[in-house]
């Protein structure tokens, strides 16, 4: 990764060579097998290309799994005091996840829920408040420990497969902005299908290609893919799921813009005016959906009958 820090003419030539290599790579699309791509977005050492066959947006070159794991679970990252809010957005999480749980409960009764990539545990804590039996998995040792200490949640530190849950033990499995991080998407979905009850529901929220330009990273892109309704539906179908509902929404891009121009983090201001800003956000979301430039989709799917 030292090449990322090269400056001057040599560094510029290296970045150009990397860009050219990424653009001309013939790596087949993992979804449709087409090798044709067109440039979509460049960010330093990395770029995103769009498959000419299905439209899937993928990063080039691919980060190594070991590099990604080091980001998700930094062994020297200190523990976080459970009395603090490390996300800075506890109030936002409560409003957002309350609405998400409302949508899930409109489809099925309360039961057992597993949140993959549960992070600090805000979603699961709210699920438990509302009568769900809640469990989580997360790669981050620090975040999983925080969820256990602050909320008393049952959170496994590690991968989904390493957790070794029994067959058919969950009514609902959720992935909130996690699926775009997976290297082996099909294997993860097959494991989800195994641990989901026959009448269970998987809920996957992902950023769409419209949001790719909002994504800010320093040296390593954690979003390996950007899905739309069609490409995410195809992956789910291959894993034996049937889509029953799609919700379009997502952010406004304001937070990303603030970070890009170097202004102070506005999360405290947002928390102080949450009621007004949440309503404003919904208006912007509706406008984006009408114009088909929505930045997030949430897909609800069930095991297909065989």
C-alpha atoms as a PDB file:
ATOM      1  CA  UNK A   1       0.000   0.000   0.000  1.00  0.00           C
ATOM      2  CA  UNK A   2       3.053   2.300  -0.029  1.00  0.00           C
ATOM      3  CA  UNK A   3       2.254   3.339  -3.598  1.00  0.00           C
ATOM      4  CA  UNK A   4      -0.704   5.319  -2.276  1.00  0.00           C
ATOM      5  CA  UNK A   5       1.661   7.805  -0.680  1.00  0.00           C
ATOM      6  CA  UNK A   6       3.869   8.421  -3.726  1.00  0.00           C
ATOM      7  CA  UNK A   7       3.819  12.046  -4.846  1.00  0.00           C
ATOM      8  CA  UNK A   8       5.324  14.002  -7.724  1.00  0.00           C
ATOM      9  CA  UNK A   9       5.510  12.951 -11.372  1.00  0.00           C
ATOM     10  CA  UNK A  10       6.376   9.330 -10.574  1.00  0.00           C
ATOM     11  CA  UNK A  11       3.348   9.050  -8.306  1.00  0.00           C
ATOM     12  CA  UNK A  12       1.115  10.592 -10.959  1.00  0.00           C
ATOM     13  CA  UNK A  13       2.391   8.135 -13.568  1.00  0.00           C
ATOM     14  CA  UNK A  14       1.819   5.244 -11.178  1.00  0.00           C
ATOM     15  CA  UNK A  15      -1.752   6.338 -10.479  1.00  0.00           C
ATOM     16  CA  UNK A  16      -2.404   6.704 -14.204  1.00  0.00           C
ATOM     17  CA  UNK A  17      -1.008   3.215 -14.816  1.00  0.00           C
ATOM     18  CA  UNK A  18      -3.232   1.787 -12.073  1.00  0.00           C
ATOM     19  CA  UNK A  19      -6.267   3.552 -13.526  1.00  0.00           C
ATOM     20  CA  UNK A  20      -5.510   2.225 -17.013  1.00  0.00           C
ATOM     21  CA  UNK A  21      -4.998  -1.292 -15.682  1.00  0.00           C
ATOM     22  CA  UNK A  22      -8.285  -1.155 -13.794  1.00  0.00           C
ATOM     23  CA  UNK A  23     -10.170   0.131 -16.810  1.00  0.00           C
ATOM     24  CA  UNK A  24      -8.793  -2.497 -19.171  1.00  0.00           C
ATOM     25  CA  UNK A  25      -9.004  -5.466 -16.794  1.00  0.00           C
ATOM     26  CA  UNK A  26     -10.999  -8.366 -18.195  1.00  0.00           C
ATOM     27  CA  UNK A  27     -12.115  -9.793 -14.856  1.00  0.00           C
ATOM     28  CA  UNK A  28     -15.604 -11.206 -15.528  1.00  0.00           C
ATOM     29  CA  UNK A  29     -18.541  -9.728 -13.662  1.00  0.00           C
ATOM     30  CA  UNK A  30     -19.373 -11.904 -10.655  1.00  0.00           C
ATOM     31  CA  UNK A  31     -23.053 -11.565 -11.448  1.00  0.00           C
ATOM     32  CA  UNK A  32     -23.492 -11.920 -15.213  1.00  0.00           C
ATOM     33  CA  UNK A  33     -20.035 -13.032 -16.385  1.00  0.00           C
ATOM     34  CA  UNK A  34     -19.590 -10.157 -18.836  1.00  0.00           C
ATOM     35  CA  UNK A  35     -16.009  -8.848 -19.045  1.00  0.00           C
ATOM     36  CA  UNK A  36     -16.919  -5.514 -20.623  1.00  0.00           C
ATOM     37  CA  UNK A  37     -16.834  -2.500 -18.296  1.00  0.00           C
ATOM     38  CA  UNK A  38     -16.870   1.255 -18.523  1.00  0.00           C
ATOM     39  CA  UNK A  39     -15.349   3.766 -16.096  1.00  0.00           C
ATOM     40  CA  UNK A  40     -17.683   5.116 -13.420  1.00  0.00           C
ATOM     41  CA  UNK A  41     -15.601   6.786 -10.711  1.00  0.00           C
ATOM     42  CA  UNK A  42     -11.931   7.188  -9.788  1.00  0.00           C
ATOM     43  CA  UNK A  43     -10.474   7.701  -6.329  1.00  0.00           C
ATOM     44  CA  UNK A  44      -6.675   7.586  -6.092  1.00  0.00           C
ATOM     45  CA  UNK A  45      -5.355   4.040  -6.334  1.00  0.00           C
ATOM     46  CA  UNK A  46      -8.845   2.621  -6.822  1.00  0.00           C
ATOM     47  CA  UNK A  47     -11.669   3.077  -9.274  1.00  0.00           C
ATOM     48  CA  UNK A  48     -15.213   1.841  -9.802  1.00  0.00           C
ATOM     49  CA  UNK A  49     -16.294   0.324 -13.097  1.00  0.00           C
ATOM     50  CA  UNK A  50     -19.794  -0.446 -14.335  1.00  0.00           C
ATOM     51  CA  UNK A  51     -20.509  -3.822 -15.928  1.00  0.00           C
ATOM     52  CA  UNK A  52     -21.817  -3.359 -19.468  1.00  0.00           C
ATOM     53  CA  UNK A  53     -23.918  -6.479 -19.111  1.00  0.00           C
ATOM     54  CA  UNK A  54     -25.896  -5.976 -15.889  1.00  0.00           C
ATOM     55  CA  UNK A  55     -24.889  -2.539 -14.595  1.00  0.00           C
ATOM     56  CA  UNK A  56     -23.246  -3.749 -11.355  1.00  0.00           C
ATOM     57  CA  UNK A  57     -20.728  -1.241 -10.011  1.00  0.00           C
ATOM     58  CA  UNK A  58     -17.525  -2.880  -8.726  1.00  0.00           C
ATOM     59  CA  UNK A  59     -14.227  -1.648  -7.335  1.00  0.00           C
ATOM     60  CA  UNK A  60     -10.970  -2.208  -9.223  1.00  0.00           C
ATOM     61  CA  UNK A  61      -8.498  -3.496  -8.171  1.00  0.00           C
ATOM     62  CA  UNK A  62     -10.095  -5.571  -5.415  1.00  0.00           C
ATOM     63  CA  UNK A  63      -8.701  -5.035  -1.903  1.00  0.00           C
ATOM     64  CA  UNK A  64      -7.351  -8.173  -0.293  1.00  0.00           C
ATOM     65  CA  UNK A  65      -9.593  -9.728   2.394  1.00  0.00           C
ATOM     66  CA  UNK A  66      -6.767  -9.436   4.921  1.00  0.00           C
ATOM     67  CA  UNK A  67      -6.525  -5.694   4.301  1.00  0.00           C
ATOM     68  CA  UNK A  68     -10.248  -5.265   4.856  1.00  0.00           C
ATOM     69  CA  UNK A  69     -10.246  -7.365   8.017  1.00  0.00           C
ATOM     70  CA  UNK A  70      -7.491  -5.180   9.466  1.00  0.00           C
ATOM     71  CA  UNK A  71      -9.761  -2.154   8.981  1.00  0.00           C
ATOM     72  CA  UNK A  72     -12.840  -3.784  10.500  1.00  0.00           C
ATOM     73  CA  UNK A  73     -11.005  -5.182  13.517  1.00  0.00           C
ATOM     74  CA  UNK A  74      -7.975  -3.089  14.400  1.00  0.00           C
ATOM     75  CA  UNK A  75      -6.166  -4.997  17.182  1.00  0.00           C
ATOM     76  CA  UNK A  76      -4.854  -1.781  18.753  1.00  0.00           C
ATOM     77  CA  UNK A  77      -8.172   0.087  18.744  1.00  0.00           C
ATOM     78  CA  UNK A  78      -9.047   0.931  22.360  1.00  0.00           C
ATOM     79  CA  UNK A  79     -12.298  -0.072  24.018  1.00  0.00           C
ATOM     80  CA  UNK A  80     -15.100   2.488  24.188  1.00  0.00           C
ATOM     81  CA  UNK A  81     -16.753   3.594  27.417  1.00  0.00           C
ATOM     82  CA  UNK A  82     -20.291   2.132  27.270  1.00  0.00           C
ATOM     83  CA  UNK A  83     -21.705   5.313  28.803  1.00  0.00           C
ATOM     84  CA  UNK A  84     -20.668   7.253  25.675  1.00  0.00           C
ATOM     85  CA  UNK A  85     -22.223   7.389  22.211  1.00  0.00           C
ATOM     86  CA  UNK A  86     -19.343   6.577  19.834  1.00  0.00           C
ATOM     87  CA  UNK A  87     -21.530   6.986  16.760  1.00  0.00           C
ATOM     88  CA  UNK A  88     -22.645  10.494  17.715  1.00  0.00           C
ATOM     89  CA  UNK A  89     -26.016   9.613  16.234  1.00  0.00           C
ATOM     90  CA  UNK A  90     -27.929   7.690  18.886  1.00  0.00           C
ATOM     91  CA  UNK A  91     -31.016   9.890  18.448  1.00  0.00           C
ATOM     92  CA  UNK A  92     -30.908   9.452  14.665  1.00  0.00           C
ATOM     93  CA  UNK A  93     -30.496   5.682  15.008  1.00  0.00           C
ATOM     94  CA  UNK A  94     -33.520   5.492  17.272  1.00  0.00           C
ATOM     95  CA  UNK A  95     -35.778   7.326  14.831  1.00  0.00           C
ATOM     96  CA  UNK A  96     -34.489   5.514  11.771  1.00  0.00           C
ATOM     97  CA  UNK A  97     -34.503   2.022  13.275  1.00  0.00           C
ATOM     98  CA  UNK A  98     -37.953   2.526  14.831  1.00  0.00           C
ATOM     99  CA  UNK A  99     -39.270   3.052  11.311  1.00  0.00           C
ATOM    100  CA  UNK A 100     -37.345   0.029  10.018  1.00  0.00           C
ATOM    101  CA  UNK A 101     -38.819  -2.197  12.732  1.00  0.00           C
ATOM    102  CA  UNK A 102     -42.299  -0.865  11.929  1.00  0.00           C
ATOM    103  CA  UNK A 103     -41.825  -2.008   8.316  1.00  0.00           C
ATOM    104  CA  UNK A 104     -40.593  -5.433   9.350  1.00  0.00           C
ATOM    105  CA  UNK A 105     -43.485  -5.924  11.778  1.00  0.00           C
ATOM    106  CA  UNK A 106     -45.913  -4.971   9.004  1.00  0.00           C
ATOM    107  CA  UNK A 107     -44.703  -8.089   7.166  1.00  0.00           C
ATOM    108  CA  UNK A 108     -44.449 -10.570  10.027  1.00  0.00           C
ATOM    109  CA  UNK A 109     -44.967 -10.976  13.802  1.00  0.00           C
ATOM    110  CA  UNK A 110     -42.201 -10.477  16.346  1.00  0.00           C
ATOM    111  CA  UNK A 111     -39.778 -13.346  16.893  1.00  0.00           C
ATOM    112  CA  UNK A 112     -36.039 -13.932  16.667  1.00  0.00           C
ATOM    113  CA  UNK A 113     -33.838 -11.454  14.781  1.00  0.00           C
ATOM    114  CA  UNK A 114     -30.166 -11.583  13.816  1.00  0.00           C
ATOM    115  CA  UNK A 115     -28.387  -8.399  12.744  1.00  0.00           C
ATOM    116  CA  UNK A 116     -25.276  -9.082  10.662  1.00  0.00           C
ATOM    117  CA  UNK A 117     -22.731  -6.298  11.077  1.00  0.00           C
ATOM    118  CA  UNK A 118     -24.600  -5.040  14.128  1.00  0.00           C
ATOM    119  CA  UNK A 119     -21.890  -2.478  14.993  1.00  0.00           C
ATOM    120  CA  UNK A 120     -22.620  -0.649  18.268  1.00  0.00           C
ATOM    121  CA  UNK A 121     -25.929  -2.488  18.754  1.00  0.00           C
ATOM    122  CA  UNK A 122     -28.464   0.369  18.465  1.00  0.00           C
ATOM    123  CA  UNK A 123     -30.800  -1.530  16.141  1.00  0.00           C
ATOM    124  CA  UNK A 124     -30.762  -4.704  18.228  1.00  0.00           C
ATOM    125  CA  UNK A 125     -31.311  -2.798  21.472  1.00  0.00           C
ATOM    126  CA  UNK A 126     -34.448  -1.243  20.007  1.00  0.00           C
ATOM    127  CA  UNK A 127     -35.619  -4.626  18.695  1.00  0.00           C
ATOM    128  CA  UNK A 128     -35.338  -6.087  22.179  1.00  0.00           C
ATOM    129  CA  UNK A 129     -37.264  -3.128  23.642  1.00  0.00           C
ATOM    130  CA  UNK A 130     -40.092  -3.993  21.270  1.00  0.00           C
ATOM    131  CA  UNK A 131     -40.246  -7.653  22.203  1.00  0.00           C
ATOM    132  CA  UNK A 132     -37.851  -9.328  19.774  1.00  0.00           C
ATOM    133  CA  UNK A 133     -35.278 -11.928  20.789  1.00  0.00           C
ATOM    134  CA  UNK A 134     -32.205 -10.176  19.389  1.00  0.00           C
ATOM    135  CA  UNK A 135     -28.734 -11.442  18.465  1.00  0.00           C
ATOM    136  CA  UNK A 136     -25.903  -9.974  16.426  1.00  0.00           C
ATOM    137  CA  UNK A 137     -22.577 -10.667  14.763  1.00  0.00           C
ATOM    138  CA  UNK A 138     -19.825  -8.188  13.976  1.00  0.00           C
ATOM    139  CA  UNK A 139     -16.191  -8.334  12.924  1.00  0.00           C
ATOM    140  CA  UNK A 140     -15.180  -5.458  15.176  1.00  0.00           C
ATOM    141  CA  UNK A 141     -14.048  -6.561  18.612  1.00  0.00           C
ATOM    142  CA  UNK A 142     -14.508  -3.036  19.972  1.00  0.00           C
ATOM    143  CA  UNK A 143     -18.021  -2.522  18.626  1.00  0.00           C
ATOM    144  CA  UNK A 144     -19.228  -5.997  19.620  1.00  0.00           C
ATOM    145  CA  UNK A 145     -17.897  -5.519  23.155  1.00  0.00           C
ATOM    146  CA  UNK A 146     -19.599  -2.119  23.380  1.00  0.00           C
ATOM    147  CA  UNK A 147     -22.931  -3.676  22.342  1.00  0.00           C
ATOM    148  CA  UNK A 148     -22.553  -6.355  24.978  1.00  0.00           C
ATOM    149  CA  UNK A 149     -21.530  -3.971  27.770  1.00  0.00           C
ATOM    150  CA  UNK A 150     -23.930  -1.094  27.091  1.00  0.00           C
ATOM    151  CA  UNK A 151     -27.039  -3.040  26.068  1.00  0.00           C
ATOM    152  CA  UNK A 152     -26.359  -6.545  27.388  1.00  0.00           C
ATOM    153  CA  UNK A 153     -26.805  -7.935  23.886  1.00  0.00           C
ATOM    154  CA  UNK A 154     -25.852 -11.391  22.667  1.00  0.00           C
ATOM    155  CA  UNK A 155     -23.269 -10.452  20.020  1.00  0.00           C
ATOM    156  CA  UNK A 156     -20.747 -12.800  18.444  1.00  0.00           C
ATOM    157  CA  UNK A 157     -17.396 -11.327  17.397  1.00  0.00           C
ATOM    158  CA  UNK A 158     -16.385 -12.727  14.019  1.00  0.00           C
ATOM    159  CA  UNK A 159     -17.930 -13.849  10.745  1.00  0.00           C
ATOM    160  CA  UNK A 160     -21.421 -15.213  10.280  1.00  0.00           C
ATOM    161  CA  UNK A 161     -20.175 -18.690   9.417  1.00  0.00           C
ATOM    162  CA  UNK A 162     -17.848 -18.751  12.426  1.00  0.00           C
ATOM    163  CA  UNK A 163     -20.870 -18.146  14.701  1.00  0.00           C
ATOM    164  CA  UNK A 164     -22.269 -21.581  13.705  1.00  0.00           C
ATOM    165  CA  UNK A 165     -25.908 -20.854  14.338  1.00  0.00           C
ATOM    166  CA  UNK A 166     -28.284 -23.843  14.075  1.00  0.00           C
ATOM    167  CA  UNK A 167     -30.371 -24.426  10.971  1.00  0.00           C
ATOM    168  CA  UNK A 168     -33.618 -22.477  10.733  1.00  0.00           C
ATOM    169  CA  UNK A 169     -33.286 -20.552  14.000  1.00  0.00           C
ATOM    170  CA  UNK A 170     -34.160 -16.960  12.991  1.00  0.00           C
ATOM    171  CA  UNK A 171     -37.401 -15.325  11.878  1.00  0.00           C
ATOM    172  CA  UNK A 172     -35.613 -12.272  10.495  1.00  0.00           C
ATOM    173  CA  UNK A 173     -32.030 -11.580   9.417  1.00  0.00           C
ATOM    174  CA  UNK A 174     -31.027  -7.975   8.738  1.00  0.00           C
ATOM    175  CA  UNK A 175     -28.039  -6.419   6.980  1.00  0.00           C
ATOM    176  CA  UNK A 176     -28.005  -2.613   7.250  1.00  0.00           C
ATOM    177  CA  UNK A 177     -25.385  -1.313   4.807  1.00  0.00           C
ATOM    178  CA  UNK A 178     -23.276  -4.448   5.179  1.00  0.00           C
ATOM    179  CA  UNK A 179     -23.898  -6.451   2.013  1.00  0.00           C
ATOM    180  CA  UNK A 180     -21.846  -4.093  -0.190  1.00  0.00           C
ATOM    181  CA  UNK A 181     -18.783  -4.986   1.917  1.00  0.00           C
ATOM    182  CA  UNK A 182     -18.881  -8.738   1.205  1.00  0.00           C
ATOM    183  CA  UNK A 183     -16.291 -10.381  -1.018  1.00  0.00           C
ATOM    184  CA  UNK A 184     -18.233 -13.646  -1.347  1.00  0.00           C
ATOM    185  CA  UNK A 185     -21.794 -12.427  -1.483  1.00  0.00           C
ATOM    186  CA  UNK A 186     -23.365 -15.707  -2.581  1.00  0.00           C
ATOM    187  CA  UNK A 187     -21.744 -17.720   0.215  1.00  0.00           C
ATOM    188  CA  UNK A 188     -22.999 -15.214   2.808  1.00  0.00           C
ATOM    189  CA  UNK A 189     -26.529 -15.380   1.453  1.00  0.00           C
ATOM    190  CA  UNK A 190     -26.485 -19.172   1.404  1.00  0.00           C
ATOM    191  CA  UNK A 191     -25.517 -19.127   5.080  1.00  0.00           C
ATOM    192  CA  UNK A 192     -28.328 -16.654   5.780  1.00  0.00           C
ATOM    193  CA  UNK A 193     -30.765 -18.985   4.042  1.00  0.00           C
ATOM    194  CA  UNK A 194     -29.553 -21.917   6.127  1.00  0.00           C
ATOM    195  CA  UNK A 195     -30.126 -20.186   9.486  1.00  0.00           C
ATOM    196  CA  UNK A 196     -33.413 -18.550   8.431  1.00  0.00           C
ATOM    197  CA  UNK A 197     -36.722 -20.248   9.148  1.00  0.00           C
ATOM    198  CA  UNK A 198     -38.701 -21.481   6.143  1.00  0.00           C
ATOM    199  CA  UNK A 199     -41.127 -18.593   6.519  1.00  0.00           C
ATOM    200  CA  UNK A 200     -38.408 -16.145   7.538  1.00  0.00           C
ATOM    201  CA  UNK A 201     -37.455 -12.814   6.008  1.00  0.00           C
ATOM    202  CA  UNK A 202     -34.083 -11.325   5.108  1.00  0.00           C
ATOM    203  CA  UNK A 203     -33.837  -7.523   4.976  1.00  0.00           C
ATOM    204  CA  UNK A 204     -30.925  -5.962   3.089  1.00  0.00           C
ATOM    205  CA  UNK A 205     -30.289  -2.217   2.819  1.00  0.00           C
ATOM    206  CA  UNK A 206     -27.527  -1.092   0.462  1.00  0.00           C
ATOM    207  CA  UNK A 207     -26.333   2.166  -1.087  1.00  0.00           C
ATOM    208  CA  UNK A 208     -27.118   2.424  -4.798  1.00  0.00           C
ATOM    209  CA  UNK A 209     -24.709   3.505  -7.559  1.00  0.00           C
ATOM    210  CA  UNK A 210     -26.216   6.993  -7.231  1.00  0.00           C
ATOM    211  CA  UNK A 211     -24.469   7.305  -3.865  1.00  0.00           C
ATOM    212  CA  UNK A 212     -20.999   6.189  -4.990  1.00  0.00           C
ATOM    213  CA  UNK A 213     -19.713   9.742  -5.372  1.00  0.00           C
ATOM    214  CA  UNK A 214     -20.732  10.492  -1.753  1.00  0.00           C
ATOM    215  CA  UNK A 215     -18.527   7.719  -0.420  1.00  0.00           C
ATOM    216  CA  UNK A 216     -15.383   9.139   1.183  1.00  0.00           C
ATOM    217  CA  UNK A 217     -12.451   6.881   2.033  1.00  0.00           C
ATOM    218  CA  UNK A 218      -8.773   7.534   2.781  1.00  0.00           C
ATOM    219  CA  UNK A 219      -6.797   4.605   1.416  1.00  0.00           C
ATOM    220  CA  UNK A 220      -9.006   1.537   1.184  1.00  0.00           C
ATOM    221  CA  UNK A 221     -12.524   1.283  -0.279  1.00  0.00           C
ATOM    222  CA  UNK A 222     -14.778  -0.812   1.947  1.00  0.00           C
ATOM    223  CA  UNK A 223     -17.686  -0.730  -0.508  1.00  0.00           C
ATOM    224  CA  UNK A 224     -16.768  -3.452  -2.982  1.00  0.00           C
ATOM    225  CA  UNK A 225     -20.019  -3.265  -4.950  1.00  0.00           C
ATOM    226  CA  UNK A 226     -22.946  -0.920  -5.526  1.00  0.00           C
ATOM    227  CA  UNK A 227     -26.251  -2.657  -6.265  1.00  0.00           C
ATOM    228  CA  UNK A 228     -29.501  -1.491  -7.783  1.00  0.00           C
ATOM    229  CA  UNK A 229     -32.864  -3.266  -7.599  1.00  0.00           C
ATOM    230  CA  UNK A 230     -32.034  -5.535 -10.520  1.00  0.00           C
ATOM    231  CA  UNK A 231     -28.546  -6.636  -9.527  1.00  0.00           C
ATOM    232  CA  UNK A 232     -29.409  -7.206  -5.862  1.00  0.00           C
ATOM    233  CA  UNK A 233     -32.485  -9.164  -6.905  1.00  0.00           C
ATOM    234  CA  UNK A 234     -30.327 -11.381  -9.136  1.00  0.00           C
ATOM    235  CA  UNK A 235     -27.897 -12.207  -6.330  1.00  0.00           C
ATOM    236  CA  UNK A 236     -30.783 -13.035  -3.981  1.00  0.00           C
ATOM    237  CA  UNK A 237     -32.375 -15.246  -6.630  1.00  0.00           C
ATOM    238  CA  UNK A 238     -29.176 -17.236  -7.055  1.00  0.00           C
ATOM    239  CA  UNK A 239     -29.108 -17.880  -3.308  1.00  0.00           C
ATOM    240  CA  UNK A 240     -32.661 -19.198  -3.329  1.00  0.00           C
ATOM    241  CA  UNK A 241     -34.578 -16.101  -2.241  1.00  0.00           C
ATOM    242  CA  UNK A 242     -37.626 -14.376  -3.678  1.00  0.00           C
ATOM    243  CA  UNK A 243     -37.975 -10.604  -3.357  1.00  0.00           C
ATOM    244  CA  UNK A 244     -41.321  -9.570  -1.868  1.00  0.00           C
ATOM    245  CA  UNK A 245     -40.790  -5.855  -1.376  1.00  0.00           C
ATOM    246  CA  UNK A 246     -38.384  -3.079  -2.346  1.00  0.00           C
ATOM    247  CA  UNK A 247     -38.209   0.273  -0.610  1.00  0.00           C
ATOM    248  CA  UNK A 248     -36.349   3.194  -2.152  1.00  0.00           C
ATOM    249  CA  UNK A 249     -34.849   5.961  -0.040  1.00  0.00           C
ATOM    250  CA  UNK A 250     -31.456   6.950   1.278  1.00  0.00           C
ATOM    251  CA  UNK A 251     -29.568  10.024   2.329  1.00  0.00           C
ATOM    252  CA  UNK A 252     -29.365  13.464   0.829  1.00  0.00           C
ATOM    253  CA  UNK A 253     -25.571  13.572   0.425  1.00  0.00           C
ATOM    254  CA  UNK A 254     -25.269  16.575   2.759  1.00  0.00           C
ATOM    255  CA  UNK A 255     -23.146  14.771   5.386  1.00  0.00           C
ATOM    256  CA  UNK A 256     -20.723  13.604   2.707  1.00  0.00           C
ATOM    257  CA  UNK A 257     -20.507  17.097   1.244  1.00  0.00           C
ATOM    258  CA  UNK A 258     -19.750  18.551   4.677  1.00  0.00           C
ATOM    259  CA  UNK A 259     -16.919  16.070   5.195  1.00  0.00           C
ATOM    260  CA  UNK A 260     -15.477  16.628   1.725  1.00  0.00           C
ATOM    261  CA  UNK A 261     -15.202  20.397   2.142  1.00  0.00           C
ATOM    262  CA  UNK A 262     -13.632  20.020   5.563  1.00  0.00           C
ATOM    263  CA  UNK A 263     -16.314  21.567   7.776  1.00  0.00           C
ATOM    264  CA  UNK A 264     -16.927  20.443  11.340  1.00  0.00           C
ATOM    265  CA  UNK A 265     -18.972  17.311  11.924  1.00  0.00           C
ATOM    266  CA  UNK A 266     -22.635  18.447  12.028  1.00  0.00           C
ATOM    267  CA  UNK A 267     -24.020  15.475  13.965  1.00  0.00           C
ATOM    268  CA  UNK A 268     -24.652  17.435  17.165  1.00  0.00           C
ATOM    269  CA  UNK A 269     -26.530  20.083  15.205  1.00  0.00           C
ATOM    270  CA  UNK A 270     -28.596  17.400  13.492  1.00  0.00           C
ATOM    271  CA  UNK A 271     -29.431  15.820  16.845  1.00  0.00           C
ATOM    272  CA  UNK A 272     -30.623  19.166  18.181  1.00  0.00           C
ATOM    273  CA  UNK A 273     -32.994  19.720  15.239  1.00  0.00           C
ATOM    274  CA  UNK A 274     -33.810  16.118  14.427  1.00  0.00           C
ATOM    275  CA  UNK A 275     -37.602  16.390  14.152  1.00  0.00           C
ATOM    276  CA  UNK A 276     -37.449  19.164  11.542  1.00  0.00           C
ATOM    277  CA  UNK A 277     -34.486  17.733   9.644  1.00  0.00           C
ATOM    278  CA  UNK A 278     -36.012  14.233   9.509  1.00  0.00           C
ATOM    279  CA  UNK A 279     -39.118  15.631   7.838  1.00  0.00           C
ATOM    280  CA  UNK A 280     -36.963  17.602   5.406  1.00  0.00           C
ATOM    281  CA  UNK A 281     -34.960  14.497   4.618  1.00  0.00           C
ATOM    282  CA  UNK A 282     -38.117  12.577   3.761  1.00  0.00           C
ATOM    283  CA  UNK A 283     -39.171  15.301   1.317  1.00  0.00           C
ATOM    284  CA  UNK A 284     -35.786  15.098  -0.403  1.00  0.00           C
ATOM    285  CA  UNK A 285     -35.985  11.302  -0.442  1.00  0.00           C
ATOM    286  CA  UNK A 286     -39.387  11.350  -2.123  1.00  0.00           C
ATOM    287  CA  UNK A 287     -38.126  13.782  -4.753  1.00  0.00           C
ATOM    288  CA  UNK A 288     -35.112  11.580  -5.447  1.00  0.00           C
ATOM    289  CA  UNK A 289     -37.283   8.485  -5.737  1.00  0.00           C
ATOM    290  CA  UNK A 290     -39.607  10.211  -8.211  1.00  0.00           C
ATOM    291  CA  UNK A 291     -36.569  11.207 -10.278  1.00  0.00           C
ATOM    292  CA  UNK A 292     -35.087   7.675  -9.941  1.00  0.00           C
ATOM    293  CA  UNK A 293     -31.915   8.998  -8.331  1.00  0.00           C
ATOM    294  CA  UNK A 294     -32.507   7.436  -4.899  1.00  0.00           C
ATOM    295  CA  UNK A 295     -29.365   6.595  -2.943  1.00  0.00           C
ATOM    296  CA  UNK A 296     -30.492   3.542  -1.011  1.00  0.00           C
ATOM    297  CA  UNK A 297     -32.671   0.501  -1.490  1.00  0.00           C
ATOM    298  CA  UNK A 298     -33.998  -1.884   1.127  1.00  0.00           C
ATOM    299  CA  UNK A 299     -34.983  -5.283  -0.172  1.00  0.00           C
ATOM    300  CA  UNK A 300     -37.201  -7.726   1.724  1.00  0.00           C
ATOM    301  CA  UNK A 301     -36.920 -11.330   0.569  1.00  0.00           C
ATOM    302  CA  UNK A 302     -38.105 -14.785   1.643  1.00  0.00           C
ATOM    303  CA  UNK A 303     -36.819 -18.280   0.877  1.00  0.00           C
ATOM    304  CA  UNK A 304     -38.155 -19.400  -2.506  1.00  0.00           C
ATOM    305  CA  UNK A 305     -40.237 -22.536  -2.419  1.00  0.00           C
ATOM    306  CA  UNK A 306     -38.569 -25.549  -3.988  1.00  0.00           C
END
